[in-house]
C-alpha atoms as a PDB file:
ATOM      1  CA  MET A   1     -46.054 -30.038 -20.680  1.00  0.00           C
ATOM      2  CA  PRO A   2     -42.853 -30.267 -18.622  1.00  0.00           C
ATOM      3  CA  LYS A   3     -39.827 -32.052 -20.013  1.00  0.00           C
ATOM      4  CA  THR A   4     -38.540 -35.013 -18.033  1.00  0.00           C
ATOM      5  CA  GLN A   5     -35.009 -36.371 -17.946  1.00  0.00           C
ATOM      6  CA  GLU A   6     -36.283 -39.487 -19.732  1.00  0.00           C
ATOM      7  CA  LYS A   7     -37.831 -37.414 -22.550  1.00  0.00           C
ATOM      8  CA  HIS A   8     -34.550 -35.522 -22.905  1.00  0.00           C
ATOM      9  CA  LEU A   9     -32.776 -38.843 -23.479  1.00  0.00           C
ATOM     10  CA  PHE A  10     -35.413 -39.861 -26.037  1.00  0.00           C
ATOM     11  CA  ASN A  11     -34.954 -36.613 -27.949  1.00  0.00           C
ATOM     12  CA  ARG A  12     -31.228 -37.313 -28.238  1.00  0.00           C
ATOM     13  CA  LEU A  13     -31.892 -40.513 -30.205  1.00  0.00           C
ATOM     14  CA  SER A  14     -31.671 -40.505 -33.989  1.00  0.00           C
ATOM     15  CA  ALA A  15     -34.865 -39.549 -35.818  1.00  0.00           C
ATOM     16  CA  GLU A  16     -35.051 -43.081 -37.240  1.00  0.00           C
ATOM     17  CA  LYS A  17     -34.909 -44.706 -33.808  1.00  0.00           C
ATOM     18  CA  GLN A  18     -37.423 -42.264 -32.324  1.00  0.00           C
ATOM     19  CA  GLU A  19     -39.840 -43.045 -35.143  1.00  0.00           C
ATOM     20  CA  ARG A  20     -39.300 -46.799 -34.761  1.00  0.00           C
ATOM     21  CA  ILE A  21     -40.112 -46.651 -31.051  1.00  0.00           C
ATOM     22  CA  MET A  22     -43.142 -44.405 -31.595  1.00  0.00           C
ATOM     23  CA  HIS A  23     -44.451 -46.667 -34.352  1.00  0.00           C
ATOM     24  CA  ALA A  24     -44.173 -49.757 -32.148  1.00  0.00           C
ATOM     25  CA  CYS A  25     -45.975 -48.020 -29.281  1.00  0.00           C
ATOM     26  CA  ILE A  26     -48.716 -46.640 -31.517  1.00  0.00           C
ATOM     27  CA  GLU A  27     -49.413 -50.072 -32.998  1.00  0.00           C
ATOM     28  CA  GLU A  28     -49.689 -51.680 -29.566  1.00  0.00           C
ATOM     29  CA  PHE A  29     -51.896 -48.959 -28.091  1.00  0.00           C
ATOM     30  CA  ALA A  30     -54.085 -49.144 -31.222  1.00  0.00           C
ATOM     31  CA  ARG A  31     -54.396 -52.905 -30.849  1.00  0.00           C
ATOM     32  CA  ALA A  32     -54.993 -53.173 -27.123  1.00  0.00           C
ATOM     33  CA  GLY A  33     -55.802 -49.758 -25.670  1.00  0.00           C
ATOM     34  CA  TYR A  34     -53.986 -48.275 -22.693  1.00  0.00           C
ATOM     35  CA  ILE A  35     -54.946 -50.789 -20.003  1.00  0.00           C
ATOM     36  CA  ASN A  36     -54.141 -53.950 -21.963  1.00  0.00           C
ATOM     37  CA  ALA A  37     -51.196 -52.665 -23.996  1.00  0.00           C
ATOM     38  CA  SER A  38     -47.967 -54.546 -23.327  1.00  0.00           C
ATOM     39  CA  THR A  39     -44.756 -52.562 -22.941  1.00  0.00           C
ATOM     40  CA  ASN A  40     -42.896 -55.847 -23.481  1.00  0.00           C
ATOM     41  CA  LYS A  41     -44.440 -56.108 -26.955  1.00  0.00           C
ATOM     42  CA  MET A  42     -43.668 -52.462 -27.663  1.00  0.00           C
ATOM     43  CA  ALA A  43     -40.023 -52.894 -26.750  1.00  0.00           C
ATOM     44  CA  LYS A  44     -39.720 -56.101 -28.782  1.00  0.00           C
ATOM     45  CA  ALA A  45     -41.316 -54.518 -31.865  1.00  0.00           C
ATOM     46  CA  ALA A  46     -39.018 -51.497 -31.522  1.00  0.00           C
ATOM     47  CA  GLY A  47     -35.953 -53.708 -31.219  1.00  0.00           C
ATOM     48  CA  ILE A  48     -35.002 -52.470 -27.755  1.00  0.00           C
ATOM     49  CA  SER A  49     -35.200 -53.840 -24.224  1.00  0.00           C
ATOM     50  CA  LYS A  50     -38.044 -52.966 -21.870  1.00  0.00           C
ATOM     51  CA  GLY A  51     -35.454 -51.359 -19.603  1.00  0.00           C
ATOM     52  CA  SER A  52     -34.380 -49.089 -22.449  1.00  0.00           C
ATOM     53  CA  LEU A  53     -37.990 -48.112 -23.123  1.00  0.00           C
ATOM     54  CA  PHE A  54     -38.334 -46.896 -19.543  1.00  0.00           C
ATOM     55  CA  LYS A  55     -35.060 -45.021 -19.823  1.00  0.00           C
ATOM     56  CA  TYR A  56     -36.877 -42.822 -22.341  1.00  0.00           C
ATOM     57  CA  PHE A  57     -40.286 -42.671 -20.618  1.00  0.00           C
ATOM     58  CA  SER A  58     -40.708 -42.765 -16.847  1.00  0.00           C
ATOM     59  CA  SER A  59     -43.985 -44.695 -16.936  1.00  0.00           C
ATOM     60  CA  LYS A  60     -46.526 -46.298 -19.232  1.00  0.00           C
ATOM     61  CA  LYS A  61     -48.799 -43.304 -18.613  1.00  0.00           C
ATOM     62  CA  GLU A  62     -46.118 -40.834 -19.719  1.00  0.00           C
ATOM     63  CA  LEU A  63     -45.467 -42.967 -22.791  1.00  0.00           C
ATOM     64  CA  TYR A  64     -49.180 -42.905 -23.640  1.00  0.00           C
ATOM     65  CA  VAL A  65     -49.302 -39.120 -23.323  1.00  0.00           C
ATOM     66  CA  GLU A  66     -46.249 -38.766 -25.574  1.00  0.00           C
ATOM     67  CA  VAL A  67     -47.814 -41.080 -28.164  1.00  0.00           C
ATOM     68  CA  ILE A  68     -50.972 -38.946 -28.265  1.00  0.00           C
ATOM     69  CA  ASP A  69     -48.848 -35.802 -28.570  1.00  0.00           C
ATOM     70  CA  HIS A  70     -46.925 -37.402 -31.452  1.00  0.00           C
ATOM     71  CA  ILE A  71     -50.167 -38.320 -33.246  1.00  0.00           C
ATOM     72  CA  LEU A  72     -51.619 -34.840 -32.849  1.00  0.00           C
ATOM     73  CA  GLU A  73     -48.418 -33.282 -34.208  1.00  0.00           C
ATOM     74  CA  ASP A  74     -48.614 -35.573 -37.238  1.00  0.00           C
ATOM     75  CA  PHE A  75     -52.304 -34.927 -37.878  1.00  0.00           C
ATOM     76  CA  PHE A  76     -52.309 -31.156 -37.400  1.00  0.00           C
ATOM     77  CA  GLY A  77     -49.132 -30.871 -39.455  1.00  0.00           C
ATOM     78  CA  TYR A  78     -50.915 -32.627 -42.318  1.00  0.00           C
ATOM     79  CA  VAL A  79     -54.077 -30.517 -42.077  1.00  0.00           C
ATOM     80  CA  GLN A  80     -52.068 -27.287 -41.819  1.00  0.00           C
ATOM     81  CA  SER A  81     -50.229 -28.230 -45.016  1.00  0.00           C
ATOM     82  CA  LYS A  82     -53.536 -28.153 -46.912  1.00  0.00           C
ATOM     83  CA  ASP A  83     -55.011 -24.800 -47.820  1.00  0.00           C
ATOM     84  CA  HIS A  84     -57.396 -25.421 -50.727  1.00  0.00           C
ATOM     85  CA  TYR A  85     -60.362 -25.362 -48.338  1.00  0.00           C
ATOM     86  CA  LEU A  86     -59.609 -21.704 -47.541  1.00  0.00           C
ATOM     87  CA  GLU A  87     -61.040 -20.789 -50.952  1.00  0.00           C
ATOM     88  CA  GLU A  88     -64.502 -21.909 -49.757  1.00  0.00           C
ATOM     89  CA  LYS A  89     -66.295 -19.082 -47.933  1.00  0.00           C
ATOM     90  CA  ASP A  90     -69.298 -21.098 -46.706  1.00  0.00           C
ATOM     91  CA  ILE A  91     -68.531 -22.507 -43.242  1.00  0.00           C
ATOM     92  CA  LEU A  92     -70.376 -25.813 -43.729  1.00  0.00           C
ATOM     93  CA  GLU A  93     -68.845 -26.447 -47.148  1.00  0.00           C
ATOM     94  CA  ARG A  94     -65.407 -25.635 -45.751  1.00  0.00           C
ATOM     95  CA  LEU A  95     -66.055 -28.072 -42.917  1.00  0.00           C
ATOM     96  CA  LYS A  96     -66.868 -30.790 -45.455  1.00  0.00           C
ATOM     97  CA  LEU A  97     -63.528 -30.228 -47.192  1.00  0.00           C
ATOM     98  CA  VAL A  98     -61.564 -30.426 -43.934  1.00  0.00           C
ATOM     99  CA  THR A  99     -63.477 -33.583 -42.988  1.00  0.00           C
ATOM    100  CA  LYS A 100     -62.445 -35.168 -46.299  1.00  0.00           C
ATOM    101  CA  GLU A 101     -58.808 -34.292 -45.587  1.00  0.00           C
ATOM    102  CA  THR A 102     -59.199 -35.907 -42.164  1.00  0.00           C
ATOM    103  CA  TYR A 103     -60.449 -39.131 -43.790  1.00  0.00           C
ATOM    104  CA  SER A 104     -57.596 -38.999 -46.290  1.00  0.00           C
ATOM    105  CA  PHE A 105     -55.006 -38.742 -43.506  1.00  0.00           C
ATOM    106  CA  PHE A 106     -56.428 -41.510 -41.334  1.00  0.00           C
ATOM    107  CA  ARG A 107     -56.985 -43.880 -44.267  1.00  0.00           C
ATOM    108  CA  LYS A 108     -53.210 -43.902 -44.644  1.00  0.00           C
ATOM    109  CA  LYS A 109     -52.611 -44.109 -40.874  1.00  0.00           C
ATOM    110  CA  THR A 110     -55.455 -46.168 -39.430  1.00  0.00           C
ATOM    111  CA  SER A 111     -53.567 -47.050 -36.247  1.00  0.00           C
ATOM    112  CA  LEU A 112     -53.285 -43.384 -35.313  1.00  0.00           C
ATOM    113  CA  PHE A 113     -57.033 -43.007 -35.605  1.00  0.00           C
ATOM    114  CA  LYS A 114     -57.659 -46.091 -33.479  1.00  0.00           C
ATOM    115  CA  VAL A 115     -55.463 -44.703 -30.712  1.00  0.00           C
ATOM    116  CA  LEU A 116     -57.316 -41.372 -30.729  1.00  0.00           C
ATOM    117  CA  MET A 117     -60.679 -43.142 -30.637  1.00  0.00           C
ATOM    118  CA  ARG A 118     -59.510 -45.220 -27.680  1.00  0.00           C
ATOM    119  CA  VAL A 119     -58.586 -42.006 -25.876  1.00  0.00           C
ATOM    120  CA  LYS A 120     -62.240 -40.999 -26.148  1.00  0.00           C
ATOM    121  CA  THR A 121     -63.484 -44.326 -24.777  1.00  0.00           C
ATOM    122  CA  GLU A 122     -60.816 -44.439 -22.060  1.00  0.00           C
ATOM    123  CA  GLY A 123     -61.646 -40.957 -20.811  1.00  0.00           C
ATOM    124  CA  LYS A 124     -60.613 -41.765 -17.234  1.00  0.00           C
ATOM    125  CA  MET A 125     -56.992 -41.506 -18.352  1.00  0.00           C
ATOM    126  CA  ASN A 126     -57.519 -37.754 -18.747  1.00  0.00           C
ATOM    127  CA  VAL A 127     -54.736 -37.614 -21.327  1.00  0.00           C
ATOM    128  CA  MET A 128     -55.990 -34.514 -23.109  1.00  0.00           C
ATOM    129  CA  GLU A 129     -56.012 -32.556 -19.860  1.00  0.00           C
ATOM    130  CA  GLN A 130     -52.273 -33.210 -19.534  1.00  0.00           C
ATOM    131  CA  LEU A 131     -51.727 -31.960 -23.074  1.00  0.00           C
ATOM    132  CA  LYS A 132     -54.010 -28.959 -22.672  1.00  0.00           C
ATOM    133  CA  GLU A 133     -51.308 -26.379 -21.911  1.00  0.00           C
ATOM    134  CA  ARG A 134     -49.269 -27.321 -24.957  1.00  0.00           C
ATOM    135  CA  TRP A 135     -52.123 -27.802 -27.399  1.00  0.00           C
ATOM    136  CA  GLU A 136     -54.479 -24.942 -26.553  1.00  0.00           C
ATOM    137  CA  PRO A 137     -52.453 -22.341 -28.516  1.00  0.00           C
ATOM    138  CA  LYS A 138     -51.982 -24.759 -31.434  1.00  0.00           C
ATOM    139  CA  VAL A 139     -55.695 -25.526 -31.629  1.00  0.00           C
ATOM    140  CA  ALA A 140     -56.465 -21.805 -31.356  1.00  0.00           C
ATOM    141  CA  PHE A 141     -54.106 -21.170 -34.285  1.00  0.00           C
ATOM    142  CA  PHE A 142     -55.816 -23.891 -36.325  1.00  0.00           C
ATOM    143  CA  TYR A 143     -59.263 -22.446 -35.626  1.00  0.00           C
ATOM    144  CA  GLY A 144     -58.011 -18.977 -36.527  1.00  0.00           C
ATOM    145  CA  ARG A 145     -56.770 -20.269 -39.873  1.00  0.00           C
ATOM    146  CA  PHE A 146     -59.863 -22.398 -40.446  1.00  0.00           C
ATOM    147  CA  PHE A 147     -62.223 -19.451 -39.956  1.00  0.00           C
ATOM    148  CA  SER A 148     -60.073 -17.018 -41.943  1.00  0.00           C
ATOM    149  CA  GLY A 149     -62.149 -15.520 -44.748  1.00  0.00           C
ATOM    150  CA  VAL A 150     -65.380 -17.305 -43.793  1.00  0.00           C
ATOM    151  CA  ASP A 151     -68.524 -15.372 -44.656  1.00  0.00           C
ATOM    152  CA  PHE A 152     -70.422 -14.999 -41.384  1.00  0.00           C
ATOM    153  CA  SER A 153     -72.887 -12.462 -42.785  1.00  0.00           C
ATOM    154  CA  ASN A 154     -75.645 -15.038 -43.250  1.00  0.00           C
ATOM    155  CA  LEU A 155     -75.075 -16.905 -39.968  1.00  0.00           C
ATOM    156  CA  ALA A 156     -77.046 -16.374 -36.777  1.00  0.00           C
ATOM    157  CA  LEU A 157     -74.061 -17.563 -34.702  1.00  0.00           C
ATOM    158  CA  THR A 158     -70.769 -15.929 -33.848  1.00  0.00           C
ATOM    159  CA  GLN A 159     -67.518 -17.776 -34.494  1.00  0.00           C
ATOM    160  CA  GLU A 160     -67.229 -18.677 -30.795  1.00  0.00           C
ATOM    161  CA  GLU A 161     -70.815 -19.963 -30.690  1.00  0.00           C
ATOM    162  CA  PHE A 162     -70.261 -22.052 -33.820  1.00  0.00           C
ATOM    163  CA  ILE A 163     -67.128 -23.635 -32.295  1.00  0.00           C
ATOM    164  CA  LYS A 164     -69.015 -24.548 -29.114  1.00  0.00           C
ATOM    165  CA  LEU A 165     -71.919 -25.973 -31.102  1.00  0.00           C
ATOM    166  CA  TRP A 166     -69.661 -27.957 -33.399  1.00  0.00           C
ATOM    167  CA  ASN A 167     -67.645 -29.391 -30.501  1.00  0.00           C
ATOM    168  CA  LEU A 168     -70.891 -30.662 -28.952  1.00  0.00           C
ATOM    169  CA  ILE A 169     -72.025 -32.163 -32.256  1.00  0.00           C
ATOM    170  CA  ASP A 170     -68.618 -33.727 -32.897  1.00  0.00           C
ATOM    171  CA  TYR A 171     -68.571 -35.333 -29.440  1.00  0.00           C
ATOM    172  CA  ALA A 172     -72.097 -36.705 -29.904  1.00  0.00           C
ATOM    173  CA  ILE A 173     -71.279 -38.145 -33.338  1.00  0.00           C
ATOM    174  CA  ASP A 174     -68.073 -39.760 -32.072  1.00  0.00           C
ATOM    175  CA  SER A 175     -69.894 -41.352 -29.136  1.00  0.00           C
ATOM    176  CA  GLU A 176     -72.699 -42.746 -31.291  1.00  0.00           C
ATOM    177  CA  VAL A 177     -70.425 -44.042 -34.051  1.00  0.00           C
ATOM    178  CA  LEU A 178     -68.015 -45.697 -31.616  1.00  0.00           C
ATOM    179  CA  SER A 179     -70.920 -47.349 -29.815  1.00  0.00           C
ATOM    180  CA  GLU A 180     -72.422 -48.549 -33.099  1.00  0.00           C
ATOM    181  CA  LEU A 181     -69.166 -49.976 -34.428  1.00  0.00           C
ATOM    182  CA  ASN A 182     -68.234 -51.417 -31.016  1.00  0.00           C
ATOM    183  CA  GLY A 183     -64.502 -50.923 -31.540  1.00  0.00           C
ATOM    184  CA  GLU A 184     -64.356 -53.080 -34.684  1.00  0.00           C
ATOM    185  CA  PHE A 185     -64.375 -51.161 -37.941  1.00  0.00           C
ATOM    186  CA  SER A 186     -62.805 -50.579 -41.306  1.00  0.00           C
ATOM    187  CA  MET A 187     -62.202 -47.061 -42.542  1.00  0.00           C
ATOM    188  CA  ASP A 188     -65.005 -47.628 -45.075  1.00  0.00           C
ATOM    189  CA  ASP A 189     -67.435 -48.434 -42.236  1.00  0.00           C
ATOM    190  CA  LEU A 190     -66.228 -45.446 -40.281  1.00  0.00           C
ATOM    191  CA  GLU A 191     -66.442 -42.994 -43.158  1.00  0.00           C
ATOM    192  CA  ALA A 192     -69.936 -44.214 -44.084  1.00  0.00           C
ATOM    193  CA  ALA A 193     -71.125 -43.841 -40.478  1.00  0.00           C
ATOM    194  CA  TYR A 194     -69.724 -40.329 -40.186  1.00  0.00           C
ATOM    195  CA  GLU A 195     -70.938 -39.214 -43.616  1.00  0.00           C
ATOM    196  CA  ASN A 196     -74.469 -40.353 -42.787  1.00  0.00           C
ATOM    197  CA  ARG A 197     -74.574 -38.282 -39.617  1.00  0.00           C
ATOM    198  CA  LEU A 198     -72.676 -35.297 -40.951  1.00  0.00           C
ATOM    199  CA  GLY A 199     -75.047 -35.086 -43.912  1.00  0.00           C
ATOM    200  CA  LEU A 200     -77.976 -34.857 -41.515  1.00  0.00           C
ATOM    201  CA  ILE A 201     -76.241 -32.282 -39.309  1.00  0.00           C
ATOM    202  CA  HIS A 202     -75.314 -30.111 -42.296  1.00  0.00           C
ATOM    203  CA  ARG A 203     -78.907 -30.146 -43.578  1.00  0.00           C
ATOM    204  CA  VAL A 204     -80.286 -29.212 -40.166  1.00  0.00           C
ATOM    205  CA  LEU A 205     -77.738 -26.444 -39.610  1.00  0.00           C
ATOM    206  CA  LYS A 206     -78.351 -25.002 -43.052  1.00  0.00           C
ATOM    207  CA  ASN A 207     -82.141 -25.406 -43.280  1.00  0.00           C
ATOM    208  CA  GLY A 208     -83.352 -25.675 -39.674  1.00  0.00           C
ATOM    209  CA  ILE A 209     -85.803 -28.248 -38.309  1.00  0.00           C
ATOM    210  CA  TYR A 210     -89.047 -26.577 -39.384  1.00  0.00           C
ATOM    211  CA  LYS A 211     -90.740 -26.955 -42.732  1.00  0.00           C
ATOM    212  CA  LYS A 212     -90.665 -23.880 -44.899  1.00  0.00           C
ATOM    213  CA  GLU A 213     -94.035 -22.219 -45.221  1.00  0.00           C
ATOM    214  CA  LYS A 214     -95.365 -22.123 -48.746  1.00  0.00           C
ATOM    215  CA  LYS A 215     -95.987 -18.617 -49.976  1.00  0.00           C
END
């Protein structure tokens, strides 16, 4: 993702001021989504003028992209700091452990999760496409670490096939849960909705959809 002059100015700010501005923007995007988010409210919450905000980001769209990038850095940094799940050799059990870490992170930072969920419902913004070049190698590194040491001997799928399958399942679960909760949810509601579906998916992936013949 190319650096702009505005982003260069933002990076020269103190870490405290950068975090204050990011926090204000995250809260507003979480509350209102991209279309309805107010840059006036962001600037006020950050303790700066709207003019100053656009000295650091050339447009609301660029600001939104930078917010998503910031959230992904925070989330992946947290997940990468955890390694206890690497002791589990079964892919589905390992996936359960990583899912629990995901819940743990977003319970502490609900606004970050709301922003990411809004990205999925506001797909026309095509934010992830803009971040693709930067994040593809990072996601590839995460997958490489996640699959390290997994026992594939009893699986009918290759690693690449499992990733494709899981991405499809993950997208379907997100879509159904977001539709069911209609944008209003607590983390308890969200976790319960995901656990219900993930439990079903894990059983199907492990046992198949056919009854076992009695011998």
